[in-house]
Protein backbone atom coordinates (compact mmCIF):
# COMPACT_ATOMS: atom_id res chain seq x y z
CA UNK A 1 41.41 -28.88 46.82
CA UNK A 2 38.27 -26.85 46.18
CA UNK A 3 34.66 -27.94 46.03
CA UNK A 4 32.14 -26.80 43.46
CA UNK A 5 28.45 -26.23 44.02
CA UNK A 6 25.38 -25.54 41.93
CA UNK A 7 22.23 -24.43 43.72
CA UNK A 8 18.77 -23.96 42.30
CA UNK A 9 17.24 -21.49 44.74
CA UNK A 10 13.48 -21.13 45.20
CA UNK A 11 12.88 -17.38 45.47
CA UNK A 12 9.23 -17.70 46.51
CA UNK A 13 9.04 -20.49 49.12
CA UNK A 14 8.17 -19.18 52.56
CA UNK A 15 9.58 -20.30 55.88
CA UNK A 16 6.31 -22.18 56.43
CA UNK A 17 6.18 -24.10 53.13
CA UNK A 18 9.86 -24.62 52.24
CA UNK A 19 10.09 -28.12 53.73
CA UNK A 20 6.96 -29.31 51.91
CA UNK A 21 8.17 -27.91 48.58
CA UNK A 22 11.62 -29.42 49.14
CA UNK A 23 10.18 -32.86 49.89
CA UNK A 24 7.87 -32.68 46.86
CA UNK A 25 10.64 -31.77 44.43
CA UNK A 26 13.09 -34.29 45.97
CA UNK A 27 10.43 -37.00 45.51
CA UNK A 28 10.03 -35.92 41.87
CA UNK A 29 13.82 -36.13 41.35
CA UNK A 30 13.87 -39.64 42.86
CA UNK A 31 10.88 -40.65 40.74
CA UNK A 32 12.61 -39.37 37.61
CA UNK A 33 15.77 -41.32 38.54
CA UNK A 34 17.93 -38.19 38.67
CA UNK A 35 18.84 -38.89 42.31
CA UNK A 36 18.50 -42.06 44.34
CA UNK A 37 17.54 -43.11 47.82
CA UNK A 38 18.27 -42.97 50.66
CA UNK A 39 20.81 -40.13 50.54
CA UNK A 40 19.95 -38.45 47.19
CA UNK A 41 23.17 -39.50 45.48
CA UNK A 42 23.27 -39.58 41.68
CA UNK A 43 20.54 -41.85 40.32
CA UNK A 44 20.21 -44.18 37.33
CA UNK A 45 19.13 -41.27 35.11
CA UNK A 46 21.73 -38.78 36.34
CA UNK A 47 22.47 -37.86 32.71
CA UNK A 48 19.08 -36.17 32.54
CA UNK A 49 20.47 -33.46 34.82
CA UNK A 50 24.07 -33.33 33.61
CA UNK A 51 24.37 -35.02 30.24
CA UNK A 52 26.82 -37.55 31.76
CA UNK A 53 26.02 -41.15 32.76
CA UNK A 54 28.90 -41.24 35.19
CA UNK A 55 28.46 -39.42 38.49
CA UNK A 56 32.00 -38.01 38.09
CA UNK A 57 32.57 -37.60 41.83
CA UNK A 58 29.25 -35.87 42.43
CA UNK A 59 27.89 -35.91 45.92
CA UNK A 60 24.33 -35.68 44.63
CA UNK A 61 21.61 -33.48 46.07
CA UNK A 62 21.20 -31.73 49.39
CA UNK A 63 17.87 -30.00 50.01
CA UNK A 64 18.53 -26.88 52.10
CA UNK A 65 15.61 -25.45 54.06
CA UNK A 66 15.49 -22.56 56.48
CA UNK A 67 16.58 -18.94 56.17
CA UNK A 68 19.73 -19.11 54.06
CA UNK A 69 21.99 -16.76 52.15
CA UNK A 70 23.02 -18.64 49.01
CA UNK A 71 26.11 -16.99 47.55
CA UNK A 72 28.96 -17.44 45.13
CA UNK A 73 32.31 -15.84 45.93
CA UNK A 74 33.09 -15.72 42.19
CA UNK A 75 29.90 -13.93 41.13
CA UNK A 76 29.75 -10.99 43.52
CA UNK A 77 27.91 -8.41 41.41
CA UNK A 78 25.81 -5.43 42.47
CA UNK A 79 22.05 -5.59 43.12
CA UNK A 80 19.59 -5.05 40.26
CA UNK A 81 16.08 -3.67 40.80
CA UNK A 82 13.44 -6.23 39.74
CA UNK A 83 11.10 -3.43 38.62
CA UNK A 84 13.25 -1.07 36.57
CA UNK A 85 16.34 -3.29 35.99
CA UNK A 86 18.63 -0.49 37.17
CA UNK A 87 21.91 -1.62 38.69
CA UNK A 88 22.45 -0.18 42.17
CA UNK A 89 25.52 2.08 42.35
CA UNK A 90 28.78 1.84 44.23
CA UNK A 91 27.13 2.55 47.60
CA UNK A 92 25.21 -0.71 47.56
CA UNK A 93 27.32 -2.39 50.25
CA UNK A 94 26.70 0.30 52.87
CA UNK A 95 22.98 0.43 52.02
CA UNK A 96 22.41 -3.33 51.80
CA UNK A 97 24.59 -4.54 54.67
CA UNK A 98 22.25 -3.52 57.54
CA UNK A 99 19.25 -4.79 55.55
CA UNK A 100 20.98 -8.15 55.06
CA UNK A 101 21.59 -8.33 58.82
CA UNK A 102 17.92 -7.53 59.48
CA UNK A 103 16.79 -10.20 57.00
CA UNK A 104 19.08 -12.76 58.59
CA UNK A 105 17.72 -11.95 62.07
CA UNK A 106 14.04 -11.48 61.26
CA UNK A 107 13.36 -12.71 57.72
CA UNK A 108 12.38 -9.19 56.69
CA UNK A 109 14.24 -6.35 55.04
CA UNK A 110 13.56 -3.85 52.28
CA UNK A 111 15.62 -1.45 50.20
CA UNK A 112 14.18 1.39 48.13
CA UNK A 113 15.46 1.54 44.58
CA UNK A 114 17.31 4.83 44.03
CA UNK A 115 16.16 4.89 40.38
CA UNK A 116 12.43 4.10 40.45
CA UNK A 117 11.73 4.68 44.15
CA UNK A 118 9.92 1.38 44.72
CA UNK A 119 10.56 -0.31 48.04
CA UNK A 120 11.85 -3.79 47.24
CA UNK A 121 12.06 -6.74 49.66
CA UNK A 122 15.65 -7.94 49.93
CA UNK A 123 14.81 -11.40 48.57
CA UNK A 124 13.31 -9.83 45.42
CA UNK A 125 16.46 -7.96 44.34
CA UNK A 126 18.39 -9.51 41.47
CA UNK A 127 22.17 -9.67 41.62
CA UNK A 128 24.43 -9.18 38.62
CA UNK A 129 26.04 -12.55 37.95
CA UNK A 130 23.39 -14.36 40.04
CA UNK A 131 25.79 -14.39 42.96
CA UNK A 132 23.32 -13.97 45.83
CA UNK A 133 19.90 -15.24 46.82
CA UNK A 134 18.09 -14.78 50.11
CA UNK A 135 15.66 -17.65 50.47
CA UNK A 136 14.23 -20.54 52.48
CA UNK A 137 14.77 -23.37 49.99
CA UNK A 138 17.62 -24.46 47.76
CA UNK A 139 18.58 -27.60 45.88
CA UNK A 140 22.38 -27.95 46.15
CA UNK A 141 24.44 -30.22 43.93
CA UNK A 142 28.08 -30.57 45.05
CA UNK A 143 31.16 -31.58 43.07
CA UNK A 144 29.51 -32.81 39.92
CA UNK A 145 29.43 -31.89 36.27
CA UNK A 146 27.57 -28.76 35.22
CA UNK A 147 23.80 -29.03 35.38
CA UNK A 148 22.13 -28.72 32.01
CA UNK A 149 20.25 -25.42 31.54
CA UNK A 150 17.14 -27.34 30.47
CA UNK A 151 17.26 -29.35 33.71
CA UNK A 152 17.53 -26.17 35.79
CA UNK A 153 14.53 -24.76 33.91
CA UNK A 154 12.53 -27.98 34.32
CA UNK A 155 13.15 -28.13 38.06
CA UNK A 156 11.87 -24.55 38.30
CA UNK A 157 8.72 -25.55 36.40
CA UNK A 158 8.14 -28.51 38.70
CA UNK A 159 8.66 -26.22 41.67
CA UNK A 160 6.24 -23.67 40.24
CA UNK A 161 8.24 -20.73 41.60
CA UNK A 162 10.80 -18.24 40.37
CA UNK A 163 14.31 -19.58 40.82
CA UNK A 164 17.87 -18.35 40.71
CA UNK A 165 20.85 -20.51 39.77
CA UNK A 166 23.80 -19.80 42.08
CA UNK A 167 27.04 -21.64 41.39
CA UNK A 168 30.68 -21.40 42.27
CA UNK A 169 33.68 -22.86 44.08
CA UNK A 170 34.84 -22.72 47.65
């Protein structure tokens, strides 16, 4: 049996402030009744996030902090330059792979865009299908109904940072 996940990834939190941002947003979610205490399971106002009163087997929220590669096996698209919106060509795996390793080991890595020439930090690249995000903070919801787009947008507003919505099945 597979498990599904939906992760709202904070693309701007740093290693130093990810925990504080995660705690702040988790407290907001508890205050809004979307999740409960102590383990952030579905709360009394779960429908605000999903449109369903019933938790439908959801495991609620896990706040993930620390250097993490958030990915979806089903949405593995090529990188997209955040400046010129050009999709990186077929060679992206051989170009990005060592940079991904460097980011994982050091938290730093950059790739120049072959179209516009700008040097782009790995975490700033978009990914066709929103299948990857390199970040320090994510809000993971496991095995529940689809999150409402307006909820995903609202959480991003509360966070105050750019976000990416990564979802899939494992």
